[in-house]
Amino acid sequence: MNRLRLAAPLLGLGFILAACSGSSATAAPTTAPAAAPTAAPTTASAAPATGGETVNLAKTALGSVLANGAGKTLYVFTADSGGKSVCNGDCAAKWPPLTSDAAPALGTGLDAEDFATIARDDGSKQVTFYGMPLYFFAADAAAGDTNGQGLGGKWYVVGADGVPKK
């Protein structure tokens, strides 16, 4: 009788353990195949291989200049120096920085060693080209617009050579 009293709780515990290990064994195959084969290829084809923004050369009225993957023109601010952005707050609202947690994917004619990232005052990472932080101009509505060119004598589009077009 003593053995029977010990056997019953152990048998119940065995069923509980079997149920727990059975559900985790079932859950892994159900979740893993759905996430791994479907998500990985979709993510890889939708985003650049580096996981960051895309930077290309785009043809504009000012010549071939840096633009993002959607064709939005990128600018440099000549007041920036020493690998630091001085455009924050209201300035950054008008001139949004090109931010990315990873190196940008690059189009033809651009070299990875010319790009880097810097830490902004808000903690985000801004993409730089030849050490100069890159920005968009909020008033550029469409791909290829260069409405920010020369504003204040400090904002310029930049070509593949890293030289602001003045």
N, C-alpha and C. Protein backbone atom coordinates (compact mmCIF):
# COMPACT_ATOMS: atom_id res chain seq x y z
N MET A 1 0.81 -1.18 0.00
CA MET A 1 0.00 0.00 0.00
C MET A 1 0.87 1.26 0.00
N ASN A 2 1.97 1.22 0.70
CA ASN A 2 2.88 2.35 0.74
C ASN A 2 3.45 2.64 -0.64
N ARG A 3 3.74 1.59 -1.39
CA ARG A 3 4.27 1.76 -2.75
C ARG A 3 3.23 2.39 -3.67
N LEU A 4 1.99 2.03 -3.47
CA LEU A 4 0.91 2.57 -4.29
C LEU A 4 0.75 4.08 -4.04
N ARG A 5 0.89 4.50 -2.78
CA ARG A 5 0.78 5.92 -2.47
C ARG A 5 1.92 6.71 -3.12
N LEU A 6 3.09 6.16 -3.18
CA LEU A 6 4.22 6.83 -3.82
C LEU A 6 4.09 6.79 -5.34
N ALA A 7 3.58 5.72 -5.86
CA ALA A 7 3.49 5.55 -7.31
C ALA A 7 2.48 6.51 -7.94
N ALA A 8 1.37 6.75 -7.29
CA ALA A 8 0.32 7.60 -7.86
C ALA A 8 0.84 9.03 -8.11
N PRO A 9 1.45 9.71 -7.11
CA PRO A 9 1.96 11.07 -7.40
C PRO A 9 3.06 11.06 -8.45
N LEU A 10 3.93 10.06 -8.43
CA LEU A 10 4.99 10.00 -9.43
C LEU A 10 4.42 9.79 -10.82
N LEU A 11 3.39 8.98 -10.91
CA LEU A 11 2.73 8.75 -12.20
C LEU A 11 2.10 10.06 -12.70
N GLY A 12 1.43 10.81 -11.79
CA GLY A 12 0.83 12.10 -12.16
C GLY A 12 1.90 13.09 -12.60
N LEU A 13 3.03 13.12 -11.89
CA LEU A 13 4.13 13.99 -12.25
C LEU A 13 4.68 13.61 -13.62
N GLY A 14 4.75 12.31 -13.89
CA GLY A 14 5.22 11.84 -15.20
C GLY A 14 4.32 12.32 -16.32
N PHE A 15 2.99 12.31 -16.10
CA PHE A 15 2.06 12.81 -17.12
C PHE A 15 2.24 14.31 -17.35
N ILE A 16 2.46 15.04 -16.27
CA ILE A 16 2.66 16.49 -16.40
C ILE A 16 3.93 16.79 -17.18
N LEU A 17 5.01 16.10 -16.84
CA LEU A 17 6.26 16.31 -17.55
C LEU A 17 6.14 15.92 -19.01
N ALA A 18 5.45 14.85 -19.28
CA ALA A 18 5.27 14.42 -20.67
C ALA A 18 4.45 15.45 -21.43
N ALA A 19 3.42 15.99 -20.78
CA ALA A 19 2.60 17.00 -21.45
C ALA A 19 3.40 18.26 -21.73
N CYS A 20 4.24 18.67 -20.77
CA CYS A 20 5.05 19.87 -20.97
C CYS A 20 6.07 19.68 -22.08
N SER A 21 6.75 18.57 -22.05
CA SER A 21 7.76 18.36 -23.10
C SER A 21 7.10 18.10 -24.43
N GLY A 22 5.92 17.52 -24.42
CA GLY A 22 5.21 17.29 -25.67
C GLY A 22 4.77 18.59 -26.31
N SER A 23 4.29 19.55 -25.51
CA SER A 23 3.82 20.81 -26.11
C SER A 23 4.99 21.65 -26.61
N SER A 24 6.13 21.60 -25.92
CA SER A 24 7.25 22.38 -26.43
C SER A 24 7.82 21.74 -27.68
N ALA A 25 7.78 20.44 -27.76
CA ALA A 25 8.27 19.77 -28.97
C ALA A 25 7.35 20.08 -30.14
N THR A 26 6.05 20.18 -29.87
CA THR A 26 5.12 20.51 -30.93
C THR A 26 5.24 21.97 -31.33
N ALA A 27 5.45 22.85 -30.34
CA ALA A 27 5.50 24.27 -30.64
C ALA A 27 6.71 24.64 -31.50
N ALA A 28 7.84 24.03 -31.24
CA ALA A 28 9.04 24.40 -32.00
C ALA A 28 8.89 24.15 -33.49
N PRO A 29 8.46 22.94 -33.92
CA PRO A 29 8.34 22.75 -35.36
C PRO A 29 7.26 23.64 -35.99
N THR A 30 6.19 23.92 -35.24
CA THR A 30 5.12 24.75 -35.80
C THR A 30 5.61 26.17 -36.02
N THR A 31 6.37 26.72 -35.06
CA THR A 31 6.82 28.10 -35.19
C THR A 31 8.02 28.23 -36.11
N ALA A 32 9.00 27.37 -35.96
CA ALA A 32 10.24 27.52 -36.71
C ALA A 32 10.05 27.49 -38.22
N PRO A 33 9.36 26.50 -38.81
CA PRO A 33 9.24 26.51 -40.26
C PRO A 33 8.50 27.74 -40.77
N ALA A 34 7.48 28.20 -40.04
CA ALA A 34 6.73 29.36 -40.52
C ALA A 34 7.61 30.61 -40.53
N ALA A 35 8.43 30.76 -39.49
CA ALA A 35 9.24 31.98 -39.40
C ALA A 35 10.49 31.91 -40.28
N ALA A 36 11.20 30.80 -40.23
CA ALA A 36 12.50 30.75 -40.90
C ALA A 36 12.41 30.81 -42.43
N PRO A 37 11.75 29.86 -43.11
CA PRO A 37 11.78 29.92 -44.56
C PRO A 37 11.05 31.12 -45.14
N THR A 38 9.95 31.53 -44.53
CA THR A 38 9.18 32.61 -45.11
C THR A 38 9.81 33.97 -44.83
N ALA A 39 10.17 34.23 -43.56
CA ALA A 39 10.64 35.56 -43.19
C ALA A 39 12.03 35.87 -43.73
N ALA A 40 12.95 34.94 -43.67
CA ALA A 40 14.34 35.24 -44.06
C ALA A 40 14.47 35.69 -45.51
N PRO A 41 13.92 34.96 -46.50
CA PRO A 41 14.07 35.43 -47.86
C PRO A 41 13.36 36.75 -48.12
N THR A 42 12.17 36.95 -47.53
CA THR A 42 11.44 38.18 -47.73
C THR A 42 12.24 39.36 -47.21
N THR A 43 12.79 39.23 -45.99
CA THR A 43 13.57 40.30 -45.40
C THR A 43 14.81 40.58 -46.24
N ALA A 44 15.49 39.54 -46.67
CA ALA A 44 16.72 39.73 -47.44
C ALA A 44 16.46 40.42 -48.77
N SER A 45 15.36 40.12 -49.43
CA SER A 45 15.12 40.73 -50.72
C SER A 45 14.53 42.13 -50.59
N ALA A 46 13.84 42.42 -49.48
CA ALA A 46 13.21 43.72 -49.32
C ALA A 46 14.18 44.79 -48.82
N ALA A 47 15.21 44.40 -48.09
CA ALA A 47 16.14 45.36 -47.51
C ALA A 47 17.52 45.17 -48.11
N PRO A 48 18.35 46.20 -48.06
CA PRO A 48 19.72 46.06 -48.55
C PRO A 48 20.46 44.99 -47.75
N ALA A 49 21.47 44.41 -48.34
CA ALA A 49 22.23 43.34 -47.70
C ALA A 49 22.85 43.81 -46.40
N THR A 50 23.18 45.10 -46.27
CA THR A 50 23.79 45.61 -45.05
C THR A 50 22.77 45.86 -43.97
N GLY A 51 21.50 45.91 -44.32
CA GLY A 51 20.46 46.18 -43.34
C GLY A 51 20.23 47.67 -43.13
N GLY A 52 20.99 48.53 -43.79
CA GLY A 52 20.84 49.98 -43.62
C GLY A 52 20.10 50.61 -44.78
N GLU A 53 20.22 51.91 -44.86
CA GLU A 53 19.64 52.68 -45.96
C GLU A 53 20.36 52.36 -47.27
N THR A 54 19.79 52.80 -48.36
CA THR A 54 20.43 52.68 -49.66
C THR A 54 20.85 54.08 -50.11
N VAL A 55 22.06 54.20 -50.62
CA VAL A 55 22.54 55.46 -51.19
C VAL A 55 22.98 55.18 -52.62
N ASN A 56 22.47 55.99 -53.53
CA ASN A 56 22.77 55.86 -54.96
C ASN A 56 23.25 57.20 -55.50
N LEU A 57 23.66 57.19 -56.73
CA LEU A 57 23.89 58.43 -57.47
C LEU A 57 22.65 58.65 -58.33
N ALA A 58 22.13 59.87 -58.30
CA ALA A 58 20.94 60.21 -59.08
C ALA A 58 21.26 61.39 -59.99
N LYS A 59 20.69 61.37 -61.17
CA LYS A 59 20.90 62.47 -62.12
C LYS A 59 19.90 63.57 -61.81
N THR A 60 20.41 64.78 -61.65
CA THR A 60 19.58 65.96 -61.40
C THR A 60 20.05 67.07 -62.32
N ALA A 61 19.39 68.22 -62.24
CA ALA A 61 19.80 69.39 -63.02
C ALA A 61 21.20 69.85 -62.60
N LEU A 62 21.63 69.47 -61.41
CA LEU A 62 22.95 69.85 -60.90
C LEU A 62 24.02 68.79 -61.21
N GLY A 63 23.63 67.76 -61.92
CA GLY A 63 24.55 66.67 -62.24
C GLY A 63 24.24 65.44 -61.40
N SER A 64 25.19 64.53 -61.32
CA SER A 64 25.03 63.29 -60.57
C SER A 64 25.32 63.56 -59.10
N VAL A 65 24.31 63.35 -58.24
CA VAL A 65 24.43 63.65 -56.81
C VAL A 65 23.95 62.46 -55.98
N LEU A 66 24.32 62.48 -54.70
CA LEU A 66 23.86 61.42 -53.79
C LEU A 66 22.37 61.53 -53.54
N ALA A 67 21.71 60.37 -53.49
CA ALA A 67 20.28 60.29 -53.19
C ALA A 67 20.04 58.97 -52.47
N ASN A 68 18.91 58.89 -51.77
CA ASN A 68 18.59 57.62 -51.13
C ASN A 68 17.96 56.67 -52.15
N GLY A 69 17.56 55.50 -51.70
CA GLY A 69 16.99 54.49 -52.59
C GLY A 69 15.73 54.93 -53.30
N ALA A 70 15.00 55.88 -52.71
CA ALA A 70 13.78 56.40 -53.32
C ALA A 70 14.06 57.59 -54.23
N GLY A 71 15.34 57.96 -54.37
CA GLY A 71 15.70 59.06 -55.26
C GLY A 71 15.69 60.43 -54.60
N LYS A 72 15.46 60.49 -53.28
CA LYS A 72 15.46 61.79 -52.57
C LYS A 72 16.89 62.28 -52.42
N THR A 73 17.13 63.52 -52.81
CA THR A 73 18.45 64.13 -52.80
C THR A 73 19.00 64.24 -51.38
N LEU A 74 20.31 64.00 -51.26
CA LEU A 74 21.01 64.15 -50.00
C LEU A 74 21.91 65.37 -50.05
N TYR A 75 22.07 66.03 -48.92
CA TYR A 75 22.84 67.27 -48.81
C TYR A 75 23.88 67.15 -47.70
N VAL A 76 24.87 68.02 -47.77
CA VAL A 76 25.82 68.22 -46.67
C VAL A 76 25.65 69.65 -46.16
N PHE A 77 26.00 69.85 -44.89
CA PHE A 77 25.91 71.15 -44.24
C PHE A 77 27.34 71.58 -43.92
N THR A 78 27.79 72.66 -44.55
CA THR A 78 29.19 73.04 -44.41
C THR A 78 29.54 73.52 -43.00
N ALA A 79 28.55 73.79 -42.15
CA ALA A 79 28.82 74.17 -40.77
C ALA A 79 29.22 72.96 -39.91
N ASP A 80 28.91 71.74 -40.39
CA ASP A 80 29.33 70.52 -39.67
C ASP A 80 30.84 70.38 -39.81
N SER A 81 31.47 69.95 -38.74
CA SER A 81 32.91 69.69 -38.83
C SER A 81 33.33 68.69 -37.76
N GLY A 82 34.48 68.12 -37.96
CA GLY A 82 35.04 67.18 -36.99
C GLY A 82 34.18 65.95 -36.78
N GLY A 83 33.45 65.53 -37.82
CA GLY A 83 32.62 64.33 -37.70
C GLY A 83 31.45 64.52 -36.75
N LYS A 84 30.96 65.74 -36.58
CA LYS A 84 29.84 66.02 -35.69
C LYS A 84 28.79 66.83 -36.43
N SER A 85 27.53 66.46 -36.21
CA SER A 85 26.41 67.22 -36.77
C SER A 85 26.05 68.35 -35.81
N VAL A 86 25.91 69.55 -36.34
CA VAL A 86 25.45 70.68 -35.53
C VAL A 86 24.00 71.03 -35.86
N CYS A 87 23.37 70.22 -36.69
CA CYS A 87 21.98 70.45 -37.08
C CYS A 87 21.09 69.55 -36.22
N ASN A 88 20.49 70.14 -35.19
CA ASN A 88 19.61 69.42 -34.27
C ASN A 88 18.34 70.23 -34.07
N GLY A 89 17.38 69.69 -33.35
CA GLY A 89 16.14 70.41 -33.03
C GLY A 89 15.40 70.89 -34.25
N ASP A 90 15.11 72.21 -34.30
CA ASP A 90 14.37 72.81 -35.42
C ASP A 90 15.11 72.61 -36.74
N CYS A 91 16.43 72.70 -36.69
CA CYS A 91 17.23 72.50 -37.90
C CYS A 91 16.99 71.10 -38.46
N ALA A 92 17.01 70.09 -37.59
CA ALA A 92 16.82 68.70 -38.04
C ALA A 92 15.40 68.45 -38.54
N ALA A 93 14.44 69.27 -38.11
CA ALA A 93 13.08 69.15 -38.63
C ALA A 93 13.03 69.61 -40.08
N LYS A 94 13.80 70.65 -40.42
CA LYS A 94 13.85 71.16 -41.79
C LYS A 94 14.83 70.36 -42.65
N TRP A 95 15.86 69.83 -41.99
CA TRP A 95 16.91 69.08 -42.68
C TRP A 95 17.06 67.73 -41.99
N PRO A 96 16.13 66.81 -42.22
CA PRO A 96 16.20 65.51 -41.53
C PRO A 96 17.49 64.76 -41.87
N PRO A 97 18.17 64.25 -40.85
CA PRO A 97 19.41 63.51 -41.11
C PRO A 97 19.12 62.14 -41.72
N LEU A 98 20.05 61.66 -42.52
CA LEU A 98 19.98 60.29 -43.03
C LEU A 98 20.52 59.42 -41.90
N THR A 99 19.64 58.71 -41.23
CA THR A 99 20.05 57.87 -40.11
C THR A 99 19.93 56.39 -40.48
N SER A 100 20.78 55.60 -39.87
CA SER A 100 20.78 54.17 -40.11
C SER A 100 21.62 53.49 -39.05
N ASP A 101 21.17 52.33 -38.59
CA ASP A 101 21.94 51.57 -37.61
C ASP A 101 23.05 50.76 -38.27
N ALA A 102 23.02 50.66 -39.58
CA ALA A 102 24.02 49.87 -40.31
C ALA A 102 24.57 50.69 -41.48
N ALA A 103 25.66 50.21 -42.02
CA ALA A 103 26.24 50.87 -43.20
C ALA A 103 25.23 50.84 -44.34
N PRO A 104 25.19 51.88 -45.16
CA PRO A 104 24.22 51.88 -46.25
C PRO A 104 24.61 50.91 -47.37
N ALA A 105 23.60 50.41 -48.05
CA ALA A 105 23.83 49.66 -49.28
C ALA A 105 24.14 50.70 -50.35
N LEU A 106 25.11 50.43 -51.19
CA LEU A 106 25.57 51.45 -52.14
C LEU A 106 25.31 51.08 -53.58
N GLY A 107 24.95 52.10 -54.35
CA GLY A 107 24.76 51.93 -55.78
C GLY A 107 26.08 52.00 -56.51
N THR A 108 26.03 51.79 -57.81
CA THR A 108 27.21 51.83 -58.68
C THR A 108 27.91 53.18 -58.59
N GLY A 109 29.24 53.13 -58.50
CA GLY A 109 30.04 54.35 -58.47
C GLY A 109 30.34 54.87 -57.07
N LEU A 110 29.84 54.19 -56.04
CA LEU A 110 30.09 54.60 -54.66
C LEU A 110 30.89 53.52 -53.94
N ASP A 111 31.81 53.94 -53.05
CA ASP A 111 32.68 53.02 -52.34
C ASP A 111 32.39 53.01 -50.85
N ALA A 112 32.31 51.82 -50.28
CA ALA A 112 31.98 51.66 -48.87
C ALA A 112 32.93 52.41 -47.94
N GLU A 113 34.20 52.49 -48.29
CA GLU A 113 35.16 53.15 -47.40
C GLU A 113 34.92 54.66 -47.29
N ASP A 114 34.08 55.23 -48.16
CA ASP A 114 33.78 56.65 -48.11
C ASP A 114 32.62 56.97 -47.16
N PHE A 115 31.97 55.92 -46.65
CA PHE A 115 30.80 56.09 -45.78
C PHE A 115 31.09 55.59 -44.38
N ALA A 116 30.44 56.21 -43.40
CA ALA A 116 30.53 55.80 -42.00
C ALA A 116 29.28 56.31 -41.30
N THR A 117 29.20 56.12 -39.99
CA THR A 117 28.13 56.71 -39.19
C THR A 117 28.73 57.43 -38.00
N ILE A 118 28.01 58.44 -37.54
CA ILE A 118 28.40 59.18 -36.33
C ILE A 118 27.22 59.16 -35.37
N ALA A 119 27.50 59.38 -34.10
CA ALA A 119 26.43 59.48 -33.10
C ALA A 119 25.90 60.91 -33.09
N ARG A 120 24.58 61.04 -33.18
CA ARG A 120 23.93 62.35 -33.08
C ARG A 120 23.63 62.66 -31.62
N ASP A 121 23.29 63.91 -31.33
CA ASP A 121 22.96 64.31 -29.96
C ASP A 121 21.79 63.51 -29.40
N ASP A 122 20.85 63.08 -30.26
CA ASP A 122 19.69 62.31 -29.78
C ASP A 122 19.98 60.81 -29.66
N GLY A 123 21.22 60.40 -29.94
CA GLY A 123 21.61 59.00 -29.81
C GLY A 123 21.48 58.19 -31.09
N SER A 124 20.82 58.74 -32.11
CA SER A 124 20.70 58.00 -33.37
C SER A 124 22.04 58.05 -34.11
N LYS A 125 22.15 57.20 -35.14
CA LYS A 125 23.38 57.16 -35.95
C LYS A 125 23.10 57.79 -37.30
N GLN A 126 23.93 58.77 -37.66
CA GLN A 126 23.77 59.47 -38.93
C GLN A 126 24.84 59.01 -39.91
N VAL A 127 24.43 58.80 -41.13
CA VAL A 127 25.35 58.36 -42.19
C VAL A 127 26.19 59.56 -42.63
N THR A 128 27.50 59.32 -42.80
CA THR A 128 28.40 60.35 -43.30
C THR A 128 29.02 59.90 -44.61
N PHE A 129 29.44 60.88 -45.40
CA PHE A 129 30.11 60.64 -46.68
C PHE A 129 31.36 61.51 -46.67
N TYR A 130 32.51 60.89 -46.78
CA TYR A 130 33.79 61.61 -46.64
C TYR A 130 33.80 62.42 -45.35
N GLY A 131 33.22 61.87 -44.29
CA GLY A 131 33.21 62.51 -42.98
C GLY A 131 32.14 63.56 -42.78
N MET A 132 31.38 63.88 -43.83
CA MET A 132 30.33 64.91 -43.72
C MET A 132 28.98 64.24 -43.52
N PRO A 133 28.24 64.61 -42.45
CA PRO A 133 26.90 64.05 -42.23
C PRO A 133 25.97 64.37 -43.40
N LEU A 134 25.09 63.43 -43.72
CA LEU A 134 24.15 63.58 -44.84
C LEU A 134 22.74 63.89 -44.34
N TYR A 135 22.05 64.75 -45.09
CA TYR A 135 20.70 65.21 -44.74
C TYR A 135 19.79 65.21 -45.96
N PHE A 136 18.49 65.19 -45.68
CA PHE A 136 17.46 65.45 -46.69
C PHE A 136 17.01 66.90 -46.48
N PHE A 137 16.29 67.47 -47.45
CA PHE A 137 15.66 68.77 -47.26
C PHE A 137 14.16 68.52 -47.23
N ALA A 138 13.49 68.95 -46.15
CA ALA A 138 12.06 68.68 -45.98
C ALA A 138 11.21 69.25 -47.12
N ALA A 139 11.66 70.31 -47.77
CA ALA A 139 10.88 70.92 -48.86
C ALA A 139 11.09 70.22 -50.21
N ASP A 140 11.96 69.21 -50.27
CA ASP A 140 12.09 68.41 -51.50
C ASP A 140 10.94 67.41 -51.50
N ALA A 141 9.96 67.65 -52.37
CA ALA A 141 8.77 66.81 -52.38
C ALA A 141 8.94 65.52 -53.18
N ALA A 142 9.70 65.59 -54.26
CA ALA A 142 9.80 64.44 -55.16
C ALA A 142 11.25 64.04 -55.37
N ALA A 143 11.40 62.82 -55.83
CA ALA A 143 12.74 62.33 -56.18
C ALA A 143 13.36 63.29 -57.19
N GLY A 144 14.64 63.62 -56.99
CA GLY A 144 15.34 64.50 -57.91
C GLY A 144 15.23 65.98 -57.60
N ASP A 145 14.35 66.36 -56.67
CA ASP A 145 14.26 67.77 -56.28
C ASP A 145 15.56 68.19 -55.61
N THR A 146 15.98 69.42 -55.85
CA THR A 146 17.19 69.98 -55.24
C THR A 146 16.90 71.37 -54.69
N ASN A 147 15.75 71.53 -54.06
CA ASN A 147 15.31 72.84 -53.55
C ASN A 147 16.19 73.37 -52.43
N GLY A 148 16.97 72.53 -51.78
CA GLY A 148 17.83 72.97 -50.70
C GLY A 148 19.19 73.45 -51.15
N GLN A 149 19.49 73.27 -52.42
CA GLN A 149 20.81 73.61 -52.94
C GLN A 149 21.18 75.06 -52.69
N GLY A 150 22.31 75.28 -51.98
CA GLY A 150 22.86 76.60 -51.75
C GLY A 150 22.16 77.41 -50.67
N LEU A 151 21.15 76.87 -50.01
CA LEU A 151 20.42 77.65 -49.01
C LEU A 151 21.35 78.11 -47.89
N GLY A 152 21.24 79.39 -47.59
CA GLY A 152 22.05 79.97 -46.53
C GLY A 152 23.54 79.94 -46.82
N GLY A 153 23.90 79.58 -48.05
CA GLY A 153 25.31 79.46 -48.39
C GLY A 153 26.02 78.34 -47.65
N LYS A 154 25.21 77.37 -47.10
CA LYS A 154 25.81 76.30 -46.30
C LYS A 154 25.29 74.90 -46.63
N TRP A 155 24.25 74.78 -47.42
CA TRP A 155 23.65 73.48 -47.73
C TRP A 155 23.88 73.15 -49.20
N TYR A 156 24.48 71.99 -49.46
CA TYR A 156 24.82 71.65 -50.85
C TYR A 156 24.61 70.17 -51.13
N VAL A 157 24.24 69.89 -52.37
CA VAL A 157 24.23 68.51 -52.84
C VAL A 157 25.70 68.11 -52.98
N VAL A 158 25.93 66.82 -53.05
CA VAL A 158 27.31 66.34 -53.13
C VAL A 158 27.41 65.25 -54.18
N GLY A 159 28.49 65.29 -54.95
CA GLY A 159 28.72 64.29 -55.98
C GLY A 159 29.49 63.09 -55.44
N ALA A 160 29.77 62.14 -56.32
CA ALA A 160 30.45 60.90 -55.94
C ALA A 160 31.86 61.14 -55.41
N ASP A 161 32.45 62.30 -55.73
CA ASP A 161 33.80 62.60 -55.27
C ASP A 161 33.82 63.20 -53.86
N GLY A 162 32.63 63.42 -53.26
CA GLY A 162 32.55 63.96 -51.92
C GLY A 162 32.62 65.47 -51.87
N VAL A 163 32.71 66.12 -53.02
CA VAL A 163 32.82 67.58 -53.05
C VAL A 163 31.43 68.20 -53.20
N PRO A 164 31.07 69.11 -52.27
CA PRO A 164 29.78 69.80 -52.40
C PRO A 164 29.74 70.58 -53.71
N LYS A 165 28.60 70.52 -54.41
CA LYS A 165 28.43 71.25 -55.67
C LYS A 165 27.92 72.64 -55.35
N LYS A 166 28.80 73.63 -55.52
CA LYS A 166 28.41 75.02 -55.19
C LYS A 166 28.07 75.81 -56.42
